[in-house]
């Protein structure tokens, strides 16, 4: 695939939305881990990642099925996540070793991503922050249940992001009110 995905991945507005999300530095978060556990249980996929994508890296905020100690971050060029974020659409591959879009892609070796399915995770304004994906080291035909499961759980992850943003906004407003009240009393 050409690098048409790069413009959107590196868009400064999208990258700023990733920064505002409050997800940078988040790992092994219970809310996201539960979504990933459900995806794997329903689909039987051996691996999955909920990934945040900035302008340089893909970083897992939840992952399951990977060998202990494997670094779950990578340059964008080493992850199929770039296609989901770059095009703002789901991306599915049944056999990346024989798919013209992915033959020779570094993500295959880096993460054993022979079969891969990913859906965008969006913030409340529609900025694609990352993706919810499952992968298999063997070729696999993704069923309609698999597709619907990943799509639904990606939306649930987006809802979790919105909830976190709302909590942060409310906390900031409460802090400003408390500061204002303190100044008014003095």
N, C-alpha and C. Protein backbone atom coordinates (compact mmCIF):
# COMPACT_ATOMS: atom_id res chain seq x y z
N UNK A 1 0.85 -1.18 0.00
CA UNK A 1 0.00 0.00 0.00
C UNK A 1 0.89 1.23 0.00
N UNK A 2 0.44 2.23 -0.65
CA UNK A 2 1.19 3.47 -0.69
C UNK A 2 1.12 4.16 0.67
N UNK A 3 1.83 5.24 0.81
CA UNK A 3 1.85 5.98 2.07
C UNK A 3 0.77 7.04 2.13
N UNK A 4 -0.35 6.84 1.47
CA UNK A 4 -1.45 7.80 1.52
C UNK A 4 -1.98 7.97 2.94
N UNK A 5 -1.78 6.99 3.79
CA UNK A 5 -2.22 7.04 5.17
C UNK A 5 -1.47 8.08 5.98
N UNK A 6 -0.26 8.44 5.56
CA UNK A 6 0.60 9.30 6.38
C UNK A 6 0.01 10.68 6.66
N UNK A 7 -0.64 11.28 5.70
CA UNK A 7 -1.17 12.64 5.90
C UNK A 7 -2.10 12.68 7.11
N UNK A 8 -3.05 11.77 7.19
CA UNK A 8 -4.01 11.78 8.30
C UNK A 8 -3.36 11.35 9.61
N UNK A 9 -2.47 10.37 9.57
CA UNK A 9 -1.80 9.92 10.79
C UNK A 9 -1.02 11.08 11.41
N UNK A 10 -0.38 11.87 10.57
CA UNK A 10 0.48 12.95 11.07
C UNK A 10 -0.24 14.30 11.20
N UNK A 11 -1.55 14.32 10.92
CA UNK A 11 -2.33 15.55 11.03
C UNK A 11 -2.21 16.13 12.44
N UNK A 12 -1.84 17.41 12.53
CA UNK A 12 -1.59 18.02 13.84
C UNK A 12 -2.85 18.07 14.70
N UNK A 13 -4.02 18.26 14.11
CA UNK A 13 -5.26 18.26 14.88
C UNK A 13 -5.55 16.90 15.49
N UNK A 14 -5.31 15.84 14.72
CA UNK A 14 -5.53 14.49 15.22
C UNK A 14 -4.52 14.17 16.32
N UNK A 15 -3.27 14.54 16.09
CA UNK A 15 -2.23 14.27 17.10
C UNK A 15 -2.52 15.04 18.39
N UNK A 16 -3.02 16.27 18.28
CA UNK A 16 -3.41 17.04 19.46
C UNK A 16 -4.55 16.34 20.20
N UNK A 17 -5.48 15.75 19.46
CA UNK A 17 -6.58 15.02 20.09
C UNK A 17 -6.05 13.80 20.85
N UNK A 18 -5.04 13.14 20.32
CA UNK A 18 -4.41 12.01 21.02
C UNK A 18 -3.82 12.52 22.33
N UNK A 19 -3.13 13.65 22.27
CA UNK A 19 -2.54 14.24 23.49
C UNK A 19 -3.63 14.57 24.52
N UNK A 20 -4.73 15.16 24.07
CA UNK A 20 -5.83 15.55 24.97
C UNK A 20 -6.57 14.36 25.55
N UNK A 21 -6.46 13.21 24.93
CA UNK A 21 -7.25 12.05 25.34
C UNK A 21 -6.94 11.57 26.76
N UNK A 22 -5.78 11.90 27.25
CA UNK A 22 -5.39 11.41 28.56
C UNK A 22 -4.93 9.96 28.54
N UNK A 23 -4.77 9.39 27.38
CA UNK A 23 -4.39 7.98 27.27
C UNK A 23 -2.89 7.76 27.13
N UNK A 24 -2.14 8.80 26.90
CA UNK A 24 -0.70 8.63 26.75
C UNK A 24 -0.13 8.14 28.07
N UNK A 25 0.60 7.05 28.00
CA UNK A 25 1.19 6.45 29.19
C UNK A 25 0.30 5.43 29.87
N UNK A 26 -0.94 5.27 29.40
CA UNK A 26 -1.85 4.28 29.98
C UNK A 26 -1.45 2.89 29.49
N UNK A 27 -1.31 1.96 30.43
CA UNK A 27 -1.07 0.56 30.07
C UNK A 27 -1.84 -0.31 31.04
N UNK A 28 -2.26 -1.45 30.57
CA UNK A 28 -2.97 -2.41 31.41
C UNK A 28 -4.08 -1.76 32.21
N UNK A 29 -4.94 -1.05 31.54
CA UNK A 29 -6.08 -0.38 32.16
C UNK A 29 -7.25 -1.35 32.22
N UNK A 30 -7.87 -1.48 33.39
CA UNK A 30 -8.94 -2.47 33.57
C UNK A 30 -10.08 -2.33 32.57
N UNK A 31 -10.53 -1.11 32.33
CA UNK A 31 -11.67 -0.91 31.41
C UNK A 31 -11.33 -1.41 30.01
N UNK A 32 -10.17 -1.05 29.51
CA UNK A 32 -9.77 -1.48 28.17
C UNK A 32 -9.42 -2.97 28.16
N UNK A 33 -8.79 -3.45 29.24
CA UNK A 33 -8.46 -4.88 29.31
C UNK A 33 -9.71 -5.75 29.26
N UNK A 34 -10.78 -5.33 29.93
CA UNK A 34 -12.03 -6.11 29.90
C UNK A 34 -12.60 -6.17 28.48
N UNK A 35 -12.53 -5.07 27.75
CA UNK A 35 -13.01 -5.08 26.36
C UNK A 35 -12.18 -6.05 25.52
N UNK A 36 -10.87 -6.04 25.72
CA UNK A 36 -10.01 -6.94 24.96
C UNK A 36 -10.28 -8.39 25.33
N UNK A 37 -10.45 -8.68 26.61
CA UNK A 37 -10.75 -10.05 27.04
C UNK A 37 -12.04 -10.55 26.39
N UNK A 38 -13.04 -9.69 26.32
CA UNK A 38 -14.30 -10.06 25.69
C UNK A 38 -14.11 -10.35 24.20
N UNK A 39 -13.36 -9.51 23.53
CA UNK A 39 -13.12 -9.71 22.09
C UNK A 39 -12.46 -11.06 21.83
N UNK A 40 -11.48 -11.38 22.62
CA UNK A 40 -10.77 -12.65 22.43
C UNK A 40 -11.66 -13.83 22.78
N UNK A 41 -12.45 -13.71 23.84
CA UNK A 41 -13.36 -14.80 24.22
C UNK A 41 -14.41 -15.06 23.15
N UNK A 42 -14.97 -14.00 22.57
CA UNK A 42 -16.03 -14.16 21.57
C UNK A 42 -15.48 -14.67 20.25
N UNK A 43 -14.33 -14.13 19.80
CA UNK A 43 -13.83 -14.47 18.47
C UNK A 43 -12.88 -15.65 18.45
N UNK A 44 -12.25 -15.94 19.58
CA UNK A 44 -11.24 -16.99 19.61
C UNK A 44 -9.92 -16.55 19.02
N UNK A 45 -9.77 -15.28 18.69
CA UNK A 45 -8.49 -14.79 18.18
C UNK A 45 -7.43 -14.93 19.27
N UNK A 46 -6.21 -15.32 18.92
CA UNK A 46 -5.20 -15.52 19.95
C UNK A 46 -4.56 -14.23 20.48
N UNK A 47 -4.67 -13.12 19.74
CA UNK A 47 -4.02 -11.88 20.15
C UNK A 47 -4.90 -10.69 19.87
N UNK A 48 -4.72 -9.68 20.70
CA UNK A 48 -5.44 -8.44 20.46
C UNK A 48 -4.75 -7.26 21.10
N UNK A 49 -5.02 -6.08 20.53
CA UNK A 49 -4.42 -4.85 21.03
C UNK A 49 -5.42 -3.71 20.90
N UNK A 50 -5.48 -2.88 21.92
CA UNK A 50 -6.11 -1.58 21.81
C UNK A 50 -4.94 -0.62 21.78
N UNK A 51 -4.77 0.06 20.67
CA UNK A 51 -3.58 0.87 20.45
C UNK A 51 -3.90 2.34 20.25
N UNK A 52 -3.05 3.15 20.82
CA UNK A 52 -3.07 4.60 20.64
C UNK A 52 -2.02 4.90 19.58
N UNK A 53 -2.35 5.77 18.63
CA UNK A 53 -1.41 6.08 17.55
C UNK A 53 -1.15 7.58 17.52
N UNK A 54 0.11 7.96 17.81
CA UNK A 54 0.46 9.38 17.66
C UNK A 54 1.11 9.56 16.30
N UNK A 55 1.90 10.60 16.12
CA UNK A 55 2.48 10.84 14.79
C UNK A 55 3.73 10.00 14.51
N UNK A 56 4.22 9.27 15.51
CA UNK A 56 5.43 8.47 15.32
C UNK A 56 5.26 6.99 15.69
N UNK A 57 4.43 6.73 16.72
CA UNK A 57 4.36 5.38 17.27
C UNK A 57 2.94 4.88 17.46
N UNK A 58 2.85 3.55 17.46
CA UNK A 58 1.65 2.84 17.88
C UNK A 58 2.00 2.24 19.24
N UNK A 59 1.16 2.53 20.24
CA UNK A 59 1.43 2.07 21.60
C UNK A 59 0.20 1.37 22.16
N UNK A 60 0.40 0.17 22.68
CA UNK A 60 -0.72 -0.59 23.26
C UNK A 60 -1.14 0.02 24.59
N UNK A 61 -2.45 0.24 24.75
CA UNK A 61 -2.99 0.61 26.06
C UNK A 61 -3.67 -0.60 26.68
N UNK A 62 -3.84 -1.65 25.89
CA UNK A 62 -4.28 -2.95 26.36
C UNK A 62 -3.82 -3.98 25.34
N UNK A 63 -3.35 -5.10 25.82
CA UNK A 63 -2.90 -6.16 24.90
C UNK A 63 -3.09 -7.51 25.57
N UNK A 64 -3.32 -8.50 24.74
CA UNK A 64 -3.50 -9.85 25.24
C UNK A 64 -2.94 -10.85 24.22
N UNK A 65 -2.33 -11.93 24.74
CA UNK A 65 -1.89 -13.01 23.87
C UNK A 65 -0.48 -12.87 23.33
N UNK A 66 0.27 -11.91 23.83
CA UNK A 66 1.64 -11.72 23.35
C UNK A 66 2.63 -12.31 24.34
N UNK A 67 3.81 -12.70 23.85
CA UNK A 67 4.82 -13.23 24.78
C UNK A 67 5.20 -12.19 25.82
N UNK A 68 5.44 -12.64 27.03
CA UNK A 68 5.86 -11.77 28.12
C UNK A 68 7.14 -11.03 27.71
N UNK A 69 7.16 -9.75 27.97
CA UNK A 69 8.34 -8.95 27.69
C UNK A 69 8.40 -8.35 26.29
N UNK A 70 7.47 -8.73 25.41
CA UNK A 70 7.47 -8.16 24.07
C UNK A 70 7.07 -6.69 24.16
N UNK A 71 7.87 -5.82 23.58
CA UNK A 71 7.56 -4.39 23.58
C UNK A 71 6.31 -4.17 22.74
N UNK A 72 5.30 -3.59 23.34
CA UNK A 72 4.04 -3.39 22.62
C UNK A 72 3.89 -1.95 22.17
N UNK A 73 4.94 -1.45 21.59
CA UNK A 73 4.92 -0.19 20.89
C UNK A 73 5.84 -0.36 19.70
N UNK A 74 5.58 0.40 18.67
CA UNK A 74 6.37 0.25 17.45
C UNK A 74 6.25 1.52 16.62
N UNK A 75 7.25 1.77 15.80
CA UNK A 75 7.07 2.86 14.83
C UNK A 75 5.83 2.57 13.99
N UNK A 76 5.18 3.63 13.56
CA UNK A 76 3.93 3.48 12.79
C UNK A 76 4.10 2.53 11.61
N UNK A 77 5.23 2.58 10.95
CA UNK A 77 5.45 1.75 9.76
C UNK A 77 5.48 0.26 10.08
N UNK A 78 5.56 -0.12 11.36
CA UNK A 78 5.61 -1.52 11.76
C UNK A 78 4.27 -2.01 12.28
N UNK A 79 3.20 -1.31 11.97
CA UNK A 79 1.90 -1.69 12.49
C UNK A 79 0.80 -1.44 11.46
N UNK A 80 -0.10 -2.39 11.33
CA UNK A 80 -1.26 -2.20 10.44
C UNK A 80 -2.19 -1.12 10.98
N UNK A 81 -2.01 -0.73 12.24
CA UNK A 81 -2.83 0.34 12.83
C UNK A 81 -2.79 1.61 11.97
N UNK A 82 -1.71 1.82 11.27
CA UNK A 82 -1.58 3.03 10.44
C UNK A 82 -2.67 3.11 9.38
N UNK A 83 -3.14 1.97 8.90
CA UNK A 83 -4.19 1.99 7.89
C UNK A 83 -5.53 2.39 8.48
N UNK A 84 -5.83 1.90 9.66
CA UNK A 84 -7.09 2.24 10.32
C UNK A 84 -7.11 3.73 10.63
N UNK A 85 -6.03 4.23 11.22
CA UNK A 85 -5.96 5.64 11.59
C UNK A 85 -5.83 6.52 10.35
N UNK A 86 -5.02 6.12 9.43
CA UNK A 86 -4.77 6.92 8.23
C UNK A 86 -5.98 7.07 7.33
N UNK A 87 -6.82 6.05 7.28
CA UNK A 87 -8.00 6.11 6.43
C UNK A 87 -9.29 6.31 7.22
N UNK A 88 -9.20 6.17 8.56
CA UNK A 88 -10.38 6.34 9.40
C UNK A 88 -11.43 5.28 9.18
N UNK A 89 -10.99 4.11 8.74
CA UNK A 89 -11.91 3.02 8.40
C UNK A 89 -11.37 1.69 8.92
N UNK A 90 -12.24 0.70 9.05
CA UNK A 90 -11.75 -0.63 9.42
C UNK A 90 -10.77 -1.15 8.36
N UNK A 91 -9.89 -2.02 8.81
CA UNK A 91 -8.93 -2.65 7.91
C UNK A 91 -8.88 -4.12 8.28
N UNK A 92 -9.06 -4.98 7.29
CA UNK A 92 -9.07 -6.43 7.52
C UNK A 92 -8.17 -7.12 6.51
N UNK A 93 -7.44 -8.09 7.02
CA UNK A 93 -6.58 -8.91 6.19
C UNK A 93 -6.76 -10.35 6.64
N UNK A 94 -7.02 -11.23 5.70
CA UNK A 94 -7.18 -12.64 6.04
C UNK A 94 -5.86 -13.40 5.95
N UNK A 95 -4.97 -12.96 5.06
CA UNK A 95 -3.66 -13.59 4.91
C UNK A 95 -2.68 -12.53 4.42
N UNK A 96 -2.03 -11.86 5.35
CA UNK A 96 -1.14 -10.75 4.99
C UNK A 96 0.06 -11.19 4.17
N UNK A 97 0.39 -12.48 4.21
CA UNK A 97 1.51 -12.98 3.42
C UNK A 97 1.16 -13.03 1.93
N UNK A 98 -0.13 -13.03 1.61
CA UNK A 98 -0.57 -13.13 0.23
C UNK A 98 -1.53 -12.03 -0.19
N UNK A 99 -1.67 -11.00 0.60
CA UNK A 99 -2.55 -9.87 0.30
C UNK A 99 -1.69 -8.76 -0.31
N UNK A 100 -2.06 -8.29 -1.48
CA UNK A 100 -1.24 -7.29 -2.18
C UNK A 100 -1.04 -6.01 -1.36
N UNK A 101 -1.93 -5.73 -0.42
CA UNK A 101 -1.80 -4.52 0.39
C UNK A 101 -0.73 -4.66 1.47
N UNK A 102 -0.38 -5.90 1.82
CA UNK A 102 0.47 -6.10 2.99
C UNK A 102 1.69 -7.00 2.78
N UNK A 103 1.86 -7.57 1.61
CA UNK A 103 3.00 -8.45 1.38
C UNK A 103 4.28 -7.71 1.75
N UNK A 104 5.09 -8.36 2.58
CA UNK A 104 6.37 -7.79 2.99
C UNK A 104 6.28 -6.71 4.06
N UNK A 105 5.11 -6.47 4.59
CA UNK A 105 4.93 -5.43 5.61
C UNK A 105 5.66 -5.83 6.89
N UNK A 106 6.39 -4.92 7.52
CA UNK A 106 7.12 -5.25 8.76
C UNK A 106 6.21 -5.69 9.91
N UNK A 107 4.93 -5.33 9.89
CA UNK A 107 4.01 -5.73 10.97
C UNK A 107 3.84 -7.23 11.04
N UNK A 108 4.01 -7.91 9.92
CA UNK A 108 3.82 -9.36 9.89
C UNK A 108 4.83 -10.03 10.82
N UNK A 109 6.08 -9.70 10.64
CA UNK A 109 7.13 -10.30 11.46
C UNK A 109 7.14 -9.73 12.88
N UNK A 110 6.95 -8.44 13.01
CA UNK A 110 7.03 -7.79 14.32
C UNK A 110 6.00 -8.33 15.31
N UNK A 111 4.77 -8.58 14.83
CA UNK A 111 3.69 -8.98 15.73
C UNK A 111 3.01 -10.28 15.34
N UNK A 112 3.54 -10.99 14.34
CA UNK A 112 2.89 -12.22 13.91
C UNK A 112 1.50 -11.96 13.36
N UNK A 113 1.36 -10.85 12.66
CA UNK A 113 0.05 -10.42 12.16
C UNK A 113 -0.20 -10.98 10.76
N UNK A 114 -0.55 -12.25 10.68
CA UNK A 114 -0.88 -12.83 9.39
C UNK A 114 -2.33 -12.50 9.05
N UNK A 115 -3.23 -12.76 9.99
CA UNK A 115 -4.62 -12.30 9.84
C UNK A 115 -4.80 -11.15 10.82
N UNK A 116 -5.50 -10.11 10.39
CA UNK A 116 -5.62 -8.89 11.22
C UNK A 116 -6.93 -8.20 10.92
N UNK A 117 -7.58 -7.72 11.99
CA UNK A 117 -8.80 -6.93 11.84
C UNK A 117 -8.74 -5.79 12.84
N UNK A 118 -8.99 -4.59 12.36
CA UNK A 118 -8.95 -3.43 13.25
C UNK A 118 -10.02 -2.41 12.90
N UNK A 119 -10.56 -1.77 13.94
CA UNK A 119 -11.56 -0.72 13.78
C UNK A 119 -11.09 0.52 14.52
N UNK A 120 -11.45 1.72 14.00
CA UNK A 120 -11.01 2.95 14.65
C UNK A 120 -11.64 3.16 16.03
N UNK A 121 -10.85 3.78 16.90
CA UNK A 121 -11.35 4.28 18.18
C UNK A 121 -11.34 5.80 18.05
N UNK A 122 -12.52 6.39 18.21
CA UNK A 122 -12.67 7.83 18.01
C UNK A 122 -12.97 8.54 19.32
N UNK A 123 -12.55 9.81 19.37
CA UNK A 123 -12.96 10.66 20.49
C UNK A 123 -14.34 11.25 20.16
N UNK A 124 -14.95 12.00 21.08
CA UNK A 124 -16.30 12.52 20.82
C UNK A 124 -16.40 13.44 19.60
N UNK A 125 -15.28 14.01 19.16
CA UNK A 125 -15.30 14.90 17.99
C UNK A 125 -15.02 14.16 16.69
N UNK A 126 -14.85 12.85 16.77
CA UNK A 126 -14.60 12.06 15.56
C UNK A 126 -13.14 11.91 15.19
N UNK A 127 -12.23 12.37 16.02
CA UNK A 127 -10.80 12.18 15.75
C UNK A 127 -10.44 10.72 16.02
N UNK A 128 -9.75 10.10 15.10
CA UNK A 128 -9.32 8.72 15.28
C UNK A 128 -8.05 8.72 16.13
N UNK A 129 -8.16 8.18 17.34
CA UNK A 129 -7.05 8.17 18.28
C UNK A 129 -6.19 6.93 18.15
N UNK A 130 -6.79 5.87 17.67
CA UNK A 130 -6.09 4.60 17.57
C UNK A 130 -7.03 3.56 17.03
N UNK A 131 -6.79 2.31 17.42
CA UNK A 131 -7.66 1.26 16.93
C UNK A 131 -7.75 0.09 17.89
N UNK A 132 -8.80 -0.68 17.67
CA UNK A 132 -9.07 -1.90 18.41
C UNK A 132 -8.84 -3.01 17.39
N UNK A 133 -7.87 -3.89 17.66
CA UNK A 133 -7.57 -4.91 16.65
C UNK A 133 -7.34 -6.28 17.26
N UNK A 134 -7.57 -7.27 16.43
CA UNK A 134 -7.29 -8.66 16.75
C UNK A 134 -6.38 -9.20 15.66
N UNK A 135 -5.57 -10.17 16.02
CA UNK A 135 -4.69 -10.77 15.02
C UNK A 135 -4.49 -12.25 15.29
N UNK A 136 -4.05 -12.91 14.24
CA UNK A 136 -3.81 -14.34 14.31
C UNK A 136 -2.53 -14.61 13.53
N UNK A 137 -1.64 -15.46 14.04
CA UNK A 137 -0.41 -15.76 13.30
C UNK A 137 -0.65 -16.71 12.12
N UNK A 138 -1.89 -17.16 11.96
CA UNK A 138 -2.27 -18.03 10.85
C UNK A 138 -3.30 -17.32 9.98
N UNK A 139 -3.38 -17.67 8.69
CA UNK A 139 -4.45 -17.09 7.87
C UNK A 139 -5.81 -17.41 8.50
N UNK A 140 -6.74 -16.47 8.34
CA UNK A 140 -8.04 -16.63 8.99
C UNK A 140 -9.08 -15.83 8.22
N UNK A 141 -10.23 -16.45 8.01
CA UNK A 141 -11.36 -15.73 7.44
C UNK A 141 -12.16 -15.17 8.61
N UNK A 142 -12.25 -13.84 8.68
CA UNK A 142 -12.98 -13.19 9.77
C UNK A 142 -14.48 -13.35 9.53
N UNK A 143 -15.17 -13.90 10.52
CA UNK A 143 -16.61 -14.11 10.39
C UNK A 143 -17.37 -12.82 10.63
N UNK A 144 -18.65 -12.83 10.30
CA UNK A 144 -19.49 -11.66 10.57
C UNK A 144 -19.55 -11.39 12.07
N UNK A 145 -19.57 -12.41 12.89
CA UNK A 145 -19.56 -12.23 14.35
C UNK A 145 -18.25 -11.56 14.78
N UNK A 146 -17.12 -12.00 14.20
CA UNK A 146 -15.84 -11.38 14.52
C UNK A 146 -15.87 -9.89 14.18
N UNK A 147 -16.35 -9.58 12.99
CA UNK A 147 -16.38 -8.20 12.51
C UNK A 147 -17.30 -7.35 13.40
N UNK A 148 -18.48 -7.86 13.69
CA UNK A 148 -19.42 -7.12 14.53
C UNK A 148 -18.89 -6.94 15.95
N UNK A 149 -18.22 -7.95 16.47
CA UNK A 149 -17.66 -7.87 17.81
C UNK A 149 -16.60 -6.78 17.89
N UNK A 150 -15.66 -6.77 16.96
CA UNK A 150 -14.59 -5.78 16.98
C UNK A 150 -15.17 -4.38 16.76
N UNK A 151 -16.11 -4.25 15.85
CA UNK A 151 -16.74 -2.94 15.60
C UNK A 151 -17.42 -2.41 16.86
N UNK A 152 -18.19 -3.26 17.51
CA UNK A 152 -18.92 -2.86 18.72
C UNK A 152 -17.97 -2.51 19.86
N UNK A 153 -16.94 -3.32 20.05
CA UNK A 153 -16.01 -3.06 21.15
C UNK A 153 -15.12 -1.85 20.87
N UNK A 154 -14.84 -1.57 19.61
CA UNK A 154 -14.11 -0.33 19.28
C UNK A 154 -14.96 0.89 19.64
N UNK A 155 -16.26 0.81 19.37
CA UNK A 155 -17.16 1.91 19.77
C UNK A 155 -17.22 2.03 21.29
N UNK A 156 -17.23 0.89 21.99
CA UNK A 156 -17.23 0.92 23.46
C UNK A 156 -15.94 1.55 23.99
N UNK A 157 -14.83 1.27 23.34
CA UNK A 157 -13.56 1.90 23.74
C UNK A 157 -13.64 3.41 23.52
N UNK A 158 -14.26 3.83 22.43
CA UNK A 158 -14.47 5.27 22.18
C UNK A 158 -15.35 5.90 23.25
N UNK A 159 -16.35 5.16 23.71
CA UNK A 159 -17.21 5.65 24.79
C UNK A 159 -16.41 5.80 26.08
N UNK A 160 -15.52 4.88 26.33
CA UNK A 160 -14.65 4.97 27.52
C UNK A 160 -13.76 6.21 27.42
N UNK A 161 -13.25 6.49 26.23
CA UNK A 161 -12.44 7.71 26.02
C UNK A 161 -13.29 8.94 26.32
N UNK A 162 -14.52 8.97 25.80
CA UNK A 162 -15.40 10.12 26.03
C UNK A 162 -15.68 10.30 27.51
N UNK A 163 -15.91 9.22 28.22
CA UNK A 163 -16.15 9.28 29.65
C UNK A 163 -14.95 9.87 30.38
N UNK A 164 -13.75 9.44 30.02
CA UNK A 164 -12.54 9.96 30.64
C UNK A 164 -12.36 11.46 30.36
N UNK A 165 -12.66 11.86 29.13
CA UNK A 165 -12.55 13.28 28.78
C UNK A 165 -13.55 14.10 29.59
N UNK A 166 -14.76 13.59 29.73
CA UNK A 166 -15.79 14.29 30.50
C UNK A 166 -15.41 14.39 31.97
N UNK A 167 -14.85 13.33 32.51
CA UNK A 167 -14.40 13.37 33.91
C UNK A 167 -13.30 14.42 34.09
N UNK A 168 -12.35 14.47 33.16
CA UNK A 168 -11.27 15.44 33.25
C UNK A 168 -11.80 16.87 33.14
N UNK A 169 -12.74 17.10 32.25
CA UNK A 169 -13.34 18.42 32.09
C UNK A 169 -14.09 18.82 33.36
N UNK A 170 -14.85 17.90 33.93
CA UNK A 170 -15.59 18.17 35.16
C UNK A 170 -14.65 18.46 36.32
N UNK A 171 -13.58 17.69 36.43
CA UNK A 171 -12.61 17.91 37.51
C UNK A 171 -11.95 19.28 37.37
N UNK A 172 -11.62 19.67 36.14
CA UNK A 172 -11.01 20.99 35.91
C UNK A 172 -12.00 22.09 36.26
N UNK A 173 -13.26 21.92 35.91
CA UNK A 173 -14.28 22.93 36.22
C UNK A 173 -14.48 23.04 37.73
N UNK A 174 -14.50 21.91 38.43
CA UNK A 174 -14.63 21.94 39.89
C UNK A 174 -13.44 22.65 40.53
N UNK A 175 -12.25 22.40 40.02
CA UNK A 175 -11.04 23.05 40.56
C UNK A 175 -11.10 24.56 40.34
N UNK A 176 -11.55 24.97 39.15
CA UNK A 176 -11.68 26.41 38.87
C UNK A 176 -12.73 27.05 39.78
N UNK A 177 -13.83 26.37 40.01
CA UNK A 177 -14.87 26.89 40.89
C UNK A 177 -14.35 27.02 42.31
N UNK A 178 -13.64 26.02 42.78
CA UNK A 178 -13.09 26.07 44.14
C UNK A 178 -12.10 27.23 44.27
N UNK A 179 -11.28 27.42 43.25
CA UNK A 179 -10.32 28.53 43.27
C UNK A 179 -11.05 29.86 43.27
N UNK A 180 -12.08 29.98 42.47
CA UNK A 180 -12.87 31.20 42.42
C UNK A 180 -13.53 31.48 43.77
N UNK A 181 -14.09 30.42 44.37
CA UNK A 181 -14.74 30.59 45.67
C UNK A 181 -13.74 31.00 46.75
N UNK A 182 -12.54 30.44 46.69
CA UNK A 182 -11.50 30.78 47.65
C UNK A 182 -11.10 32.25 47.50
N UNK A 183 -10.96 32.72 46.30
CA UNK A 183 -10.60 34.12 46.03
C UNK A 183 -11.73 35.05 46.48
N UNK A 184 -12.97 34.65 46.25
CA UNK A 184 -14.11 35.48 46.59
C UNK A 184 -14.26 35.66 48.09
N UNK A 185 -13.92 34.63 48.84
CA UNK A 185 -14.03 34.66 50.29
C UNK A 185 -12.92 35.54 50.89
N UNK A 186 -11.75 35.53 50.29
CA UNK A 186 -10.62 36.28 50.84
C UNK A 186 -10.77 37.76 50.72
